[in-house]
Every structure is written in structure tokens, then in C-alpha cells.
Protein backbone atom coordinates (compact mmCIF):
# COMPACT_ATOMS: atom_id res chain seq x y z
CA UNK A 1 -25.97 -4.57 25.62
CA UNK A 2 -25.41 -8.25 24.94
CA UNK A 3 -22.87 -8.81 22.15
CA UNK A 4 -22.49 -11.63 19.63
CA UNK A 5 -19.61 -13.04 17.63
CA UNK A 6 -19.55 -11.96 14.02
CA UNK A 7 -20.22 -14.92 11.72
CA UNK A 8 -22.78 -16.14 9.21
CA UNK A 9 -25.02 -17.59 11.87
CA UNK A 10 -25.29 -14.32 13.81
CA UNK A 11 -25.27 -11.93 10.84
CA UNK A 12 -28.99 -11.13 10.91
CA UNK A 13 -28.75 -10.13 14.59
CA UNK A 14 -26.86 -6.98 13.61
CA UNK A 15 -29.21 -5.64 10.94
CA UNK A 16 -30.76 -3.05 13.26
CA UNK A 17 -27.35 -1.77 14.37
CA UNK A 18 -25.33 -1.60 11.16
CA UNK A 19 -25.67 -2.23 7.41
CA UNK A 20 -25.22 -5.93 6.58
CA UNK A 21 -24.97 -7.90 3.31
CA UNK A 22 -28.45 -8.53 1.94
CA UNK A 23 -27.29 -10.84 -0.85
CA UNK A 24 -27.10 -14.61 -0.36
CA UNK A 25 -23.41 -15.24 0.35
CA UNK A 26 -23.87 -18.99 -0.18
CA UNK A 27 -24.66 -18.30 -3.84
CA UNK A 28 -21.58 -16.13 -4.47
CA UNK A 29 -18.69 -17.72 -6.39
CA UNK A 30 -15.12 -16.53 -6.00
CA UNK A 31 -14.23 -15.11 -9.42
CA UNK A 32 -11.45 -13.05 -7.86
CA UNK A 33 -8.44 -14.31 -5.90
CA UNK A 34 -6.95 -11.54 -3.79
CA UNK A 35 -3.47 -11.88 -2.26
CA UNK A 36 -2.85 -9.74 0.81
CA UNK A 37 -5.94 -9.48 3.03
CA UNK A 38 -4.82 -6.62 5.25
CA UNK A 39 -6.72 -3.49 6.19
CA UNK A 40 -6.35 -1.60 2.93
CA UNK A 41 -7.82 -4.34 0.75
CA UNK A 42 -10.70 -4.78 3.15
CA UNK A 43 -11.41 -1.03 3.24
CA UNK A 44 -11.12 -0.63 -0.53
CA UNK A 45 -11.43 -3.35 -3.20
CA UNK A 46 -13.45 -5.67 -0.96
CA UNK A 47 -15.84 -2.81 -0.16
CA UNK A 48 -16.38 -1.94 -3.82
CA UNK A 49 -17.02 -5.62 -4.53
CA UNK A 50 -19.40 -5.95 -1.58
CA UNK A 51 -21.41 -3.00 -2.91
CA UNK A 52 -21.51 -4.60 -6.36
CA UNK A 53 -22.73 -7.94 -5.01
CA UNK A 54 -25.92 -6.20 -3.90
CA UNK A 55 -26.75 -5.70 -7.60
CA UNK A 56 -28.44 -8.33 -9.80
CA UNK A 57 -26.31 -10.88 -11.68
CA UNK A 58 -23.06 -10.06 -9.87
CA UNK A 59 -22.65 -13.23 -7.82
CA UNK A 60 -19.74 -14.58 -9.89
CA UNK A 61 -17.46 -11.88 -8.46
CA UNK A 62 -16.89 -12.92 -4.87
CA UNK A 63 -13.38 -12.85 -3.42
CA UNK A 64 -11.13 -15.67 -2.25
CA UNK A 65 -8.69 -13.97 0.11
CA UNK A 66 -5.19 -15.41 0.34
CA UNK A 67 -2.89 -14.81 3.32
CA UNK A 68 0.53 -15.20 1.69
CA UNK A 69 3.02 -14.95 4.56
CA UNK A 70 3.53 -16.76 7.87
CA UNK A 71 3.05 -13.35 9.49
CA UNK A 72 -0.52 -13.31 8.15
CA UNK A 73 -1.74 -16.30 10.16
CA UNK A 74 -3.59 -14.14 12.71
CA UNK A 75 -5.71 -12.31 10.14
CA UNK A 76 -6.36 -15.60 8.34
CA UNK A 77 -7.51 -17.30 11.56
CA UNK A 78 -9.72 -14.32 12.40
CA UNK A 79 -11.44 -14.27 9.03
CA UNK A 80 -11.87 -18.04 9.05
CA UNK A 81 -13.60 -17.90 12.41
CA UNK A 82 -15.82 -15.06 11.17
CA UNK A 83 -16.71 -16.77 7.84
CA UNK A 84 -14.85 -14.01 5.99
CA UNK A 85 -17.05 -11.31 7.53
CA UNK A 86 -15.68 -8.15 9.11
CA UNK A 87 -16.89 -4.68 10.03
CA UNK A 88 -15.76 -1.56 8.17
CA UNK A 89 -15.85 1.56 10.34
CA UNK A 90 -15.64 4.84 8.42
CA UNK A 91 -14.48 7.67 10.71
CA UNK A 92 -16.14 10.77 9.29
CA UNK A 93 -14.61 14.24 9.55
CA UNK A 94 -17.46 15.37 11.82
CA UNK A 95 -16.60 12.70 14.39
CA UNK A 96 -19.41 10.26 13.58
CA UNK A 97 -18.77 6.63 12.65
CA UNK A 98 -20.45 4.83 9.74
CA UNK A 99 -20.41 1.05 10.16
CA UNK A 100 -21.01 -1.69 7.62
CA UNK A 101 -20.42 -5.46 7.65
CA UNK A 102 -18.63 -6.59 4.48
CA UNK A 103 -19.43 -10.00 2.99
CA UNK A 104 -17.56 -10.11 -0.32
CA UNK A 105 -14.77 -12.38 0.96
CA UNK A 106 -16.51 -15.73 0.63
CA UNK A 107 -13.42 -17.92 0.97
CA UNK A 108 -10.01 -17.61 2.68
CA UNK A 109 -6.80 -19.59 2.25
CA UNK A 110 -3.51 -19.62 4.18
CA UNK A 111 -0.72 -20.14 1.63
CA UNK A 112 2.02 -21.46 3.99
CA UNK A 113 -0.37 -24.16 5.24
CA UNK A 114 -1.33 -25.49 1.80
CA UNK A 115 0.53 -23.99 -1.19
CA UNK A 116 -1.00 -26.43 -3.67
CA UNK A 117 -4.53 -25.39 -2.66
CA UNK A 118 -3.71 -21.74 -3.42
CA UNK A 119 -2.14 -22.65 -6.77
CA UNK A 120 -5.19 -24.75 -7.65
CA UNK A 121 -7.51 -21.88 -6.72
CA UNK A 122 -5.59 -19.37 -8.83
CA UNK A 123 -5.79 -21.82 -11.75
CA UNK A 124 -9.51 -22.46 -11.29
CA UNK A 125 -11.74 -22.06 -14.34
CA UNK A 126 -14.02 -19.82 -12.24
CA UNK A 127 -11.24 -17.33 -11.40
CA UNK A 128 -11.01 -14.47 -13.86
CA UNK A 129 -8.93 -11.95 -11.89
CA UNK A 130 -6.05 -12.16 -9.40
CA UNK A 131 -5.59 -8.93 -7.44
CA UNK A 132 -2.65 -7.99 -5.24
CA UNK A 133 -1.91 -5.84 -2.22
CA UNK A 134 1.53 -7.19 -1.33
CA UNK A 135 3.12 -3.81 -0.39
CA UNK A 136 5.74 -1.93 -2.37
CA UNK A 137 8.49 -4.26 -1.17
CA UNK A 138 6.65 -7.34 -2.42
CA UNK A 139 7.58 -6.70 -6.06
CA UNK A 140 11.25 -7.63 -5.50
CA UNK A 141 12.48 -4.61 -7.44
CA UNK A 142 16.09 -3.41 -7.14
CA UNK A 143 16.19 0.40 -7.26
CA UNK A 144 19.86 0.45 -8.27
CA UNK A 145 19.49 -1.82 -11.30
CA UNK A 146 15.81 -1.39 -12.10
CA UNK A 147 15.56 -5.16 -12.40
CA UNK A 148 14.22 -8.20 -10.56
CA UNK A 149 16.32 -9.19 -7.53
CA UNK A 150 17.34 -12.82 -8.01
CA UNK A 151 19.52 -12.67 -4.88
CA UNK A 152 16.49 -12.64 -2.60
CA UNK A 153 16.70 -15.91 -0.59
CA UNK A 154 12.95 -16.50 -0.95
CA UNK A 155 13.19 -16.19 -4.73
CA UNK A 156 16.04 -18.70 -4.72
CA UNK A 157 13.84 -21.00 -2.62
CA UNK A 158 10.99 -20.72 -5.13
CA UNK A 159 13.26 -21.54 -8.06
CA UNK A 160 14.41 -24.67 -6.24
CA UNK A 161 10.95 -25.60 -4.88
CA UNK A 162 8.41 -24.60 -7.52
CA UNK A 163 5.53 -26.58 -5.98
CA UNK A 164 6.04 -25.12 -2.50
CA UNK A 165 6.61 -21.42 -3.20
CA UNK A 166 6.88 -18.59 -0.71
CA UNK A 167 6.59 -15.52 -2.96
CA UNK A 168 3.80 -14.22 -5.17
CA UNK A 169 5.98 -14.91 -8.21
CA UNK A 170 6.28 -18.60 -7.39
CA UNK A 171 2.52 -18.93 -6.88
CA UNK A 172 1.58 -17.04 -10.03
CA UNK A 173 4.04 -19.00 -12.15
CA UNK A 174 2.67 -22.36 -11.05
CA UNK A 175 -0.95 -21.22 -11.42
CA UNK A 176 -0.39 -19.88 -14.92
CA UNK A 177 1.57 -22.99 -15.86
CA UNK A 178 -1.41 -25.10 -14.73
CA UNK A 179 -3.80 -22.98 -16.78
CA UNK A 180 -1.64 -23.42 -19.87
CA UNK A 181 -1.27 -27.18 -19.40
CA UNK A 182 -5.02 -27.64 -18.87
CA UNK A 183 -5.92 -25.50 -21.87
CA UNK A 184 -7.76 -22.96 -19.73
CA UNK A 185 -8.32 -19.29 -20.55
CA UNK A 186 -6.00 -16.57 -19.38
CA UNK A 187 -6.51 -14.34 -16.38
CA UNK A 188 -6.05 -10.69 -15.39
CA UNK A 189 -3.45 -9.91 -12.73
CA UNK A 190 -4.22 -6.55 -11.16
CA UNK A 191 -1.92 -4.79 -8.72
CA UNK A 192 -3.59 -2.51 -6.20
CA UNK A 193 -0.33 -1.37 -4.59
CA UNK A 194 1.20 2.09 -4.43
CA UNK A 195 3.61 1.81 -7.34
CA UNK A 196 3.56 4.05 -10.40
CA UNK A 197 2.59 1.88 -13.35
CA UNK A 198 1.82 -0.96 -10.95
CA UNK A 199 0.48 -3.14 -13.76
CA UNK A 200 3.62 -2.58 -15.84
CA UNK A 201 5.76 -3.33 -12.77
CA UNK A 202 3.85 -6.55 -12.04
CA UNK A 203 4.22 -7.73 -15.63
CA UNK A 204 7.92 -6.90 -15.80
CA UNK A 205 8.79 -8.56 -12.50
CA UNK A 206 6.67 -11.66 -13.16
CA UNK A 207 8.09 -12.19 -16.66
CA UNK A 208 11.62 -11.75 -15.29
CA UNK A 209 10.97 -14.54 -12.80
CA UNK A 210 9.21 -16.78 -15.33
CA UNK A 211 12.13 -16.39 -17.75
CA UNK A 212 14.25 -18.20 -15.17
CA UNK A 213 11.65 -20.51 -13.60
CA UNK A 214 9.63 -21.63 -16.64
CA UNK A 215 10.84 -19.95 -19.85
CA UNK A 216 8.41 -21.95 -21.98
CA UNK A 217 5.58 -20.05 -20.25
CA UNK A 218 6.64 -16.54 -21.29
CA UNK A 219 4.87 -16.37 -24.64
CA UNK A 220 1.66 -17.86 -23.20
CA UNK A 221 1.59 -15.15 -20.52
CA UNK A 222 2.23 -12.44 -23.11
CA UNK A 223 -0.76 -13.67 -25.13
CA UNK A 224 -3.19 -14.67 -22.38
CA UNK A 225 -2.62 -12.50 -19.30
CA UNK A 226 -3.31 -8.78 -18.85
CA UNK A 227 -1.85 -6.43 -16.25
CA UNK A 228 -3.98 -3.27 -15.96
CA UNK A 229 -2.54 -0.33 -14.05
CA UNK A 230 -4.65 1.08 -11.25
CA UNK A 231 -4.59 3.95 -8.77
CA UNK A 232 -5.95 3.28 -5.29
CA UNK A 233 -6.55 5.72 -2.48
CA UNK A 234 -7.96 5.46 1.02
CA UNK A 235 -6.21 6.18 4.31
CA UNK A 236 -6.55 3.03 6.41
CA UNK A 237 -4.76 3.10 9.78
CA UNK A 238 -4.01 -0.01 11.78
CA UNK A 239 -6.90 -1.27 13.89
CA UNK A 240 -6.45 -0.36 17.56
CA UNK A 241 -7.78 -2.34 20.54
CA UNK A 242 -10.14 0.57 21.27
CA UNK A 243 -11.72 0.15 17.83
CA UNK A 244 -12.62 -3.43 18.74
CA UNK A 245 -14.08 -2.59 22.16
CA UNK A 246 -15.97 0.48 20.86
CA UNK A 247 -17.60 -1.65 18.17
CA UNK A 248 -18.68 -4.25 20.70
CA UNK A 249 -20.05 -1.66 23.14
CA UNK A 250 -21.92 0.46 20.59
CA UNK A 251 -23.12 -2.17 18.09
CA UNK A 252 -23.02 -5.51 19.98
CA UNK A 253 -20.58 -6.90 17.40
CA UNK A 254 -17.70 -9.08 18.56
CA UNK A 255 -15.35 -8.58 15.63
CA UNK A 256 -11.75 -9.56 16.38
CA UNK A 257 -10.34 -7.47 13.52
CA UNK A 258 -12.57 -4.69 12.17
CA UNK A 259 -11.14 -2.19 9.70
CA UNK A 260 -11.17 1.58 10.23
CA UNK A 261 -10.70 4.14 7.47
CA UNK A 262 -11.34 7.70 6.35
CA UNK A 263 -14.45 8.59 4.29
CA UNK A 264 -12.51 9.40 1.09
CA UNK A 265 -11.90 6.58 -1.38
CA UNK A 266 -10.80 6.44 -5.02
CA UNK A 267 -10.07 3.70 -7.54
CA UNK A 268 -9.02 4.44 -11.11
CA UNK A 269 -8.42 1.38 -13.32
CA UNK A 270 -7.28 0.73 -16.87
CA UNK A 271 -9.97 -1.25 -18.66
CA UNK A 272 -7.80 -4.19 -19.76
CA UNK A 273 -9.34 -7.44 -18.48
CA UNK A 274 -8.85 -10.52 -20.66
CA UNK A 275 -11.51 -12.71 -19.05
CA UNK A 276 -14.22 -10.24 -18.06
CA UNK A 277 -14.53 -8.06 -15.01
CA UNK A 278 -17.00 -6.80 -12.39
CA UNK A 279 -18.92 -3.60 -13.18
CA UNK A 280 -17.07 -1.72 -10.45
CA UNK A 281 -17.93 1.54 -12.21
CA UNK A 282 -21.51 1.01 -10.98
CA UNK A 283 -20.30 1.48 -7.40
CA UNK A 284 -17.89 4.38 -7.80
CA UNK A 285 -14.72 3.07 -9.46
CA UNK A 286 -13.48 4.91 -12.54
CA UNK A 287 -12.14 3.20 -15.67
CA UNK A 288 -9.63 5.15 -17.76
CA UNK A 289 -7.39 4.65 -20.78
CA UNK A 290 -4.28 5.83 -18.92
CA UNK A 291 -4.04 5.71 -15.15
CA UNK A 292 -0.33 6.51 -14.81
CA UNK A 293 -0.56 10.36 -14.61
CA UNK A 294 -3.17 10.13 -11.83
CA UNK A 295 -1.16 7.48 -10.04
CA UNK A 296 1.97 9.63 -10.20
CA UNK A 297 0.02 12.53 -8.71
CA UNK A 298 -1.26 10.41 -5.84
CA UNK A 299 2.08 8.73 -5.06
CA UNK A 300 4.03 11.99 -5.23
CA UNK A 301 1.57 14.00 -3.14
CA UNK A 302 -0.47 11.77 -0.82
CA UNK A 303 1.95 8.89 -0.24
CA UNK A 304 5.02 11.10 -0.20
CA UNK A 305 3.14 13.53 2.05
CA UNK A 306 2.49 10.71 4.48
CA UNK A 307 6.20 9.85 4.53
CA UNK A 308 7.16 13.51 5.07
CA UNK A 309 4.80 13.83 8.03
CA UNK A 310 5.79 10.43 9.38
CA UNK A 311 9.55 10.93 9.34
CA UNK A 312 9.53 14.52 10.60
CA UNK A 313 6.78 13.80 13.10
CA UNK A 314 8.58 10.75 14.47
CA UNK A 315 11.74 12.75 15.18
CA UNK A 316 9.81 15.55 16.89
CA UNK A 317 8.07 12.95 19.07
CA UNK A 318 4.56 12.68 17.64
CA UNK A 319 2.71 9.35 17.54
CA UNK A 320 0.04 10.01 14.90
CA UNK A 321 -0.14 11.73 11.52
CA UNK A 322 -2.84 14.19 12.59
CA UNK A 323 -0.55 15.43 15.39
CA UNK A 324 2.21 16.09 12.88
CA UNK A 325 0.06 17.97 10.37
CA UNK A 326 -1.49 20.10 13.11
CA UNK A 327 2.02 21.45 13.78
CA UNK A 328 1.73 24.56 11.59
CA UNK A 329 5.44 24.64 10.80
CA UNK A 330 5.50 21.04 9.57
CA UNK A 331 2.23 21.57 7.65
CA UNK A 332 3.72 24.65 5.92
CA UNK A 333 6.85 22.69 5.06
CA UNK A 334 4.74 19.91 3.52
CA UNK A 335 2.60 22.37 1.53
CA UNK A 336 5.74 24.10 0.20
CA UNK A 337 7.26 20.74 -0.74
CA UNK A 338 4.14 19.84 -2.70
CA UNK A 339 3.96 23.26 -4.39
CA UNK A 340 7.61 23.92 -5.16
CA UNK A 341 9.12 20.49 -5.82
CA UNK A 342 6.33 18.03 -6.65
CA UNK A 343 3.82 20.06 -8.68
CA UNK A 344 6.32 21.05 -11.43
CA UNK A 345 6.96 17.33 -12.11
CA UNK A 346 3.32 16.35 -12.63
CA UNK A 347 2.43 18.05 -15.92
CA UNK A 348 -1.20 18.49 -16.98
CA UNK A 349 -3.84 16.35 -15.29
CA UNK A 350 -7.15 16.48 -17.10
CA UNK A 351 -10.09 17.08 -14.80
CA UNK A 352 -7.94 17.62 -11.69
CA UNK A 353 -7.62 20.91 -9.79
CA UNK A 354 -4.25 20.35 -8.13
CA UNK A 355 -4.66 23.20 -5.66
CA UNK A 356 -7.95 21.75 -4.44
CA UNK A 357 -6.45 18.24 -4.32
CA UNK A 358 -3.44 19.38 -2.27
CA UNK A 359 -5.64 21.25 0.19
CA UNK A 360 -7.87 18.19 0.54
CA UNK A 361 -4.80 16.13 1.47
CA UNK A 362 -3.94 18.46 4.35
CA UNK A 363 -7.54 18.11 5.59
CA UNK A 364 -7.48 14.33 5.25
CA UNK A 365 -4.13 14.05 7.05
CA UNK A 366 -5.62 16.18 9.84
CA UNK A 367 -8.67 13.96 10.51
CA UNK A 368 -8.37 13.67 14.30
CA UNK A 369 -10.55 10.55 14.36
CA UNK A 370 -8.24 8.47 12.15
CA UNK A 371 -5.18 8.47 14.44
CA UNK A 372 -2.94 6.90 11.80
CA UNK A 373 0.11 5.68 13.67
CA UNK A 374 3.38 7.24 12.56
CA UNK A 375 5.27 3.98 13.01
CA UNK A 376 2.89 2.37 10.47
CA UNK A 377 3.52 5.16 7.96
CA UNK A 378 7.30 4.92 8.47
CA UNK A 379 7.38 1.13 8.21
CA UNK A 380 9.21 -0.24 5.15
CA UNK A 381 10.41 3.24 4.19
CA UNK A 382 13.26 1.66 2.22
CA UNK A 383 10.63 0.35 -0.23
CA UNK A 384 8.41 3.45 -0.13
CA UNK A 385 10.92 6.27 -0.58
CA UNK A 386 12.20 5.09 -4.01
CA UNK A 387 8.57 5.12 -5.21
CA UNK A 388 7.10 8.13 -3.40
CA UNK A 389 9.95 10.66 -3.16
CA UNK A 390 12.93 9.79 -5.36
CA UNK A 391 11.09 10.22 -8.70
CA UNK A 392 10.44 13.85 -7.68
CA UNK A 393 14.11 14.27 -6.75
CA UNK A 394 15.30 12.84 -10.07
CA UNK A 395 12.89 14.98 -12.09
CA UNK A 396 13.89 18.15 -10.26
CA UNK A 397 17.61 17.40 -10.56
CA UNK A 398 17.22 16.73 -14.28
CA UNK A 399 15.82 20.23 -14.68
CA UNK A 400 18.38 21.67 -12.24
CA UNK A 401 15.55 22.77 -9.96
CA UNK A 402 15.07 22.86 -6.19
CA UNK A 403 15.40 19.68 -4.09
CA UNK A 404 15.82 21.37 -0.71
CA UNK A 405 12.64 19.93 0.85
CA UNK A 406 13.10 16.39 -0.45
CA UNK A 407 16.77 16.36 0.57
CA UNK A 408 15.76 17.54 4.03
CA UNK A 409 13.25 14.69 4.40
CA UNK A 410 15.82 12.11 3.27
CA UNK A 411 18.37 13.55 5.68
CA UNK A 412 15.76 13.34 8.43
CA UNK A 413 15.20 9.70 7.48
CA UNK A 414 18.95 9.09 7.93
CA UNK A 415 18.71 10.57 11.44
CA UNK A 416 15.49 8.63 12.12
CA UNK A 417 17.23 5.39 11.11
CA UNK A 418 19.63 5.70 14.02
CA UNK A 419 16.65 4.62 16.10
CA UNK A 420 15.86 7.44 18.56
CA UNK A 421 13.83 10.63 18.38
CA UNK A 422 14.89 14.08 19.54
CA UNK A 423 13.78 13.31 23.12
CA UNK A 424 16.01 10.23 23.18
CA UNK A 425 13.09 7.78 23.05
CA UNK A 426 13.44 4.63 20.96
CA UNK A 427 11.74 4.54 17.55
CA UNK A 428 10.02 1.34 16.41
CA UNK A 429 11.77 0.85 13.06
CA UNK A 430 10.03 -1.79 10.96
CA UNK A 431 11.88 -2.33 7.70
CA UNK A 432 13.25 -5.24 5.70
CA UNK A 433 16.55 -3.31 5.53
CA UNK A 434 16.54 -2.36 9.22
CA UNK A 435 20.02 -3.75 9.94
CA UNK A 436 21.58 -2.03 6.93
CA UNK A 437 19.74 1.24 7.61
CA UNK A 438 20.82 1.40 11.25
CA UNK A 439 24.43 0.49 10.55
CA UNK A 440 24.68 3.06 7.76
CA UNK A 441 22.85 5.68 9.82
CA UNK A 442 25.37 5.28 12.64
CA UNK A 443 28.22 5.64 10.14
CA UNK A 444 26.49 8.75 8.78
CA UNK A 445 26.93 10.51 12.11
CA UNK A 446 30.57 10.95 11.08
CA UNK A 447 30.02 11.10 7.31
CA UNK A 448 26.43 11.99 6.31
CA UNK A 449 27.02 11.05 2.68
CA UNK A 450 27.45 7.40 3.78
CA UNK A 451 23.67 7.01 4.03
CA UNK A 452 23.36 7.55 0.28
CA UNK A 453 25.60 4.52 -0.32
CA UNK A 454 22.58 2.20 0.07
CA UNK A 455 22.22 1.58 -3.66
CA UNK A 456 19.13 -0.60 -3.46
CA UNK A 457 17.32 2.48 -2.14
CA UNK A 458 19.09 5.49 -3.65
CA UNK A 459 20.50 4.11 -6.88
CA UNK A 460 23.24 6.47 -8.12
CA UNK A 461 22.01 9.56 -6.26
CA UNK A 462 25.31 9.73 -4.37
CA UNK A 463 26.97 10.74 -7.64
CA UNK A 464 24.96 13.94 -7.97
CA UNK A 465 27.07 16.63 -6.31
CA UNK A 466 24.20 19.14 -6.16
CA UNK A 467 21.97 16.75 -4.26
CA UNK A 468 24.75 15.47 -1.97
CA UNK A 469 25.65 19.02 -0.97
CA UNK A 470 22.04 19.91 -0.05
CA UNK A 471 21.57 16.55 1.72
CA UNK A 472 24.72 16.89 3.85
CA UNK A 473 23.86 20.46 4.88
CA UNK A 474 20.34 19.38 5.84
CA UNK A 475 21.70 16.46 7.88
CA UNK A 476 24.13 18.68 9.76
CA UNK A 477 21.41 21.25 10.38
CA UNK A 478 18.97 18.66 11.75
CA UNK A 479 21.51 17.12 14.10
CA UNK A 480 22.60 20.55 15.33
CA UNK A 481 19.24 22.29 15.67
CA UNK A 482 16.41 19.75 15.53
CA UNK A 483 13.64 19.31 12.99
CA UNK A 484 11.26 22.10 13.98
CA UNK A 485 13.84 24.88 14.03
CA UNK A 486 15.08 23.69 10.64
CA UNK A 487 11.65 23.62 8.98
CA UNK A 488 10.91 27.14 10.27
CA UNK A 489 14.15 28.30 8.67
CA UNK A 490 13.31 26.59 5.36
CA UNK A 491 9.76 27.98 5.41
CA UNK A 492 11.12 31.49 5.93
CA UNK A 493 13.49 31.26 2.96
CA UNK A 494 10.70 30.78 0.40
């Protein structure tokens, strides 16, 4: 089968192989600027928007995708060459693949190449919404203090070089300042990252920065910018070389960076948009008055569950999440963690059957076609654990309830951070705090409590004697007996 490069010119060639955009992309205006054009955005918000653009009178809601970091140059170059087009491959539970070319990203910008162009775009009169997938670590939040981290070298750079920023806060500040100076309307800034109260977090962190960088802008932001919370959900593993070759061989599409994902998707959004919004509810999104309870459920169960499987699976020697959850002992440990330690912290969730939801997570984790790499799930754990697992720990400790499972996972993370699994093979640790984690993990071999001294991650948890005792015992047990023997023992004590 002859294959063709994916771009506007060749788009119609694929219509017999896969679903393609049937709207006129040349007539779509970018009413949304999205920062962070990785796999999750392209499997989630960009898909919802693509579906909406097929409806009448929706062509003001195209996306301008912004690659924020130097690291993002490859994805930027790929999307530029493909006119913003890419293929979404949904790996169904029954083993079939559903393929669709997404056309909602009608413009792409590379921030390091031209910061002023990005600022100008964010300040454009046509842009009504700025959405973010900048990862949990991108919000510059210090777990120990609960405040914005002004010691970050990139933040210091932005304060000194406001017209050539490197962080999202520098870009947003200059764009909002331009809007104010030009007498333009406000804008909605919508986080789509895995943080409880992600809108509240975005607002708090941005206003903290603006207070230092441009204090005269604070009141304008408070009156003209909204920050709706949202809950997002779709498992989106990293694209593998095989995904690219399979697509070319089966569908004749030469796509340098397709996106693969599971069939499940969910998007719950607070309806707080100051300058209008797309009718995403027409294509499956849900608008709600209060998203936070649902977000807490998802972060504490799905995202934390991923971290549990990733950390334990990595030490045992697994490469993918489905391998870890198909180990019955690890799966039982995860289910018990969700039942015994997480569920009591969630309260009442209207319209949600938690037992059904938890069972669905085990099934989703076990999708053998997804092959979500464990090193992806474990990457940036220093930013994830304070959001996914520590709120459960704090809530349980406050009620003097069990933390055995969570403490075990955190102890396993301390062992993981040394950098080798139980077979002695090297682990690919990808974390902004890698140096600190490894140094502290090595020190923890003599004194396990030392790992809890990383305040930016654990806050004051080291001061809780109950937790420290359980953590130290778990650490000693893991290093003496290995993960699987330990989880069997824990499972048998319930």
C-alpha cells in the first residue's frame, strides 16, 4: 500500500481509510490558545474541539497550540510540517483500533523561538480562552509552604526579562497586561492538568507572580479573568515507534507523531467563562457547578492508582502498567488501598457508584493494547505524589486511620529513587528533583526517615510519628523481602 505524508494537501486521500475533518479548516479561527501540545491534550481537549467544529457556527473555536519549552521543539516541528494535523488511534478493549484525523489545531507556535508572537496571540481580540496542560510541576507550587516558589531560576529570569519569558506565568502576565493596556476584554484561563482545584491553583499561582511582576495588574485580573476548575480523564501512553509504522502499513498515513489512547474519556468543567465558550457539552463534556469533588475522586483513585502500579511495578521489573495490574497480588493491594484508605476520604459523590468506578479503573489499567510505559507513569513523581497520594495520607492521619498502603508506596518510591529495580537493572528516573531524590534515597539506606526530609515534596510529614513508624517499617520490609512478598503479607492482614 502506497503511503502519503499527513498534511492539508493529502488529507482527502485518507477519507476511505479513516475519519477525517469534513469542515473547512481554512475558515476556522483560533479562539483558544492551548499551552502544552503533548499527547494528552491531543487525545482529549483537541478531540472534543474537533468534534464540535463539525457542527454549524462553531468555526470561531479553533486551537492555536503553543509549545512552551525548548524540549517541545520536536512536536512543534512535526505539527508544523503536518499543518497541525495528526491521527488519534483509540485502542479498544477488544483489540480493535479506531482511527481519526484531528484538525482542530489550526495554528502552532514555538515559544522559545518567538516569545513576542506568543504573547501577541494570547492578547488577540479573537482569543477568548487560554487552556493549559503544563503538567503538575508546571504550577511552581511549593508543597512545604503552599505558596509560589520564587526561588525557581526560571521565575527569576522572567521577573528580570518580562518580554522574553520562559514560564507560563511570564507569558500570561505580559498577555494580560497587553489586554489591559489596549482596553480589550478579559479572557478565561482554564487548567486541564491533574491538580485538585486546578482553576483555583492557576489563579493563586498567577496572582502571586503578578503581585511581584506587575502589581498594578492584579485588580484587572480579578475583575476580568476567570479560572474554571475542570476534571480531565483519558489514559494516553507515549507514542511508540510501532504505532507509527502500524498506522502507515494499515492506513497509508505517514504521521510522524500520532496519538494513542484508551476508549474512555471524561471532561467535567465549571461553567465560568468570561468571554464565551464552545458548546463542548454537545460533544460529551459535562458542565457542573462544582467540579472539585469529582476531581478529588479521580486524582485519588485513577492518578494515585497509576503511581501505585508504576512504582511497585518498576521495582518488580515490569515495563508497562497492564503487566503490573495483571499481577494479582499487586492488583489486590491496589484495590485494598482504594477501598480502605482512599474511599473514606471522598465523602458523597452525587451520581457516582464508587464501587463500579473503582472496578472500571482496574479494567482500564489492564487494557493490554495500551502498553502504558511505567517509566512515563513514574516520571516527575515528586510533583505527582503531593497531589495524588499525600492528600489521602493527611486525611487519614487527621482521623487517626490506616495509612499502611500509602506509606508502603512512599517507602517503595524511596527504594525506587536509588535507581535500580529488584533485579539490579537501572531505572530510568525522569524527575526535576532527580539529584535530590537519588542523594536522599542513598542516605535512606542507612536511615529510612531521611527520605521524608524532602520538604518540597512531603511538607511536615516527617513530624508525624505514626506515619514515620509505618513508613520506616515498610521500607525495611521492602529492602529485606522485596515488593511482592510484602504486598502478599499486607493483603493477608486485611
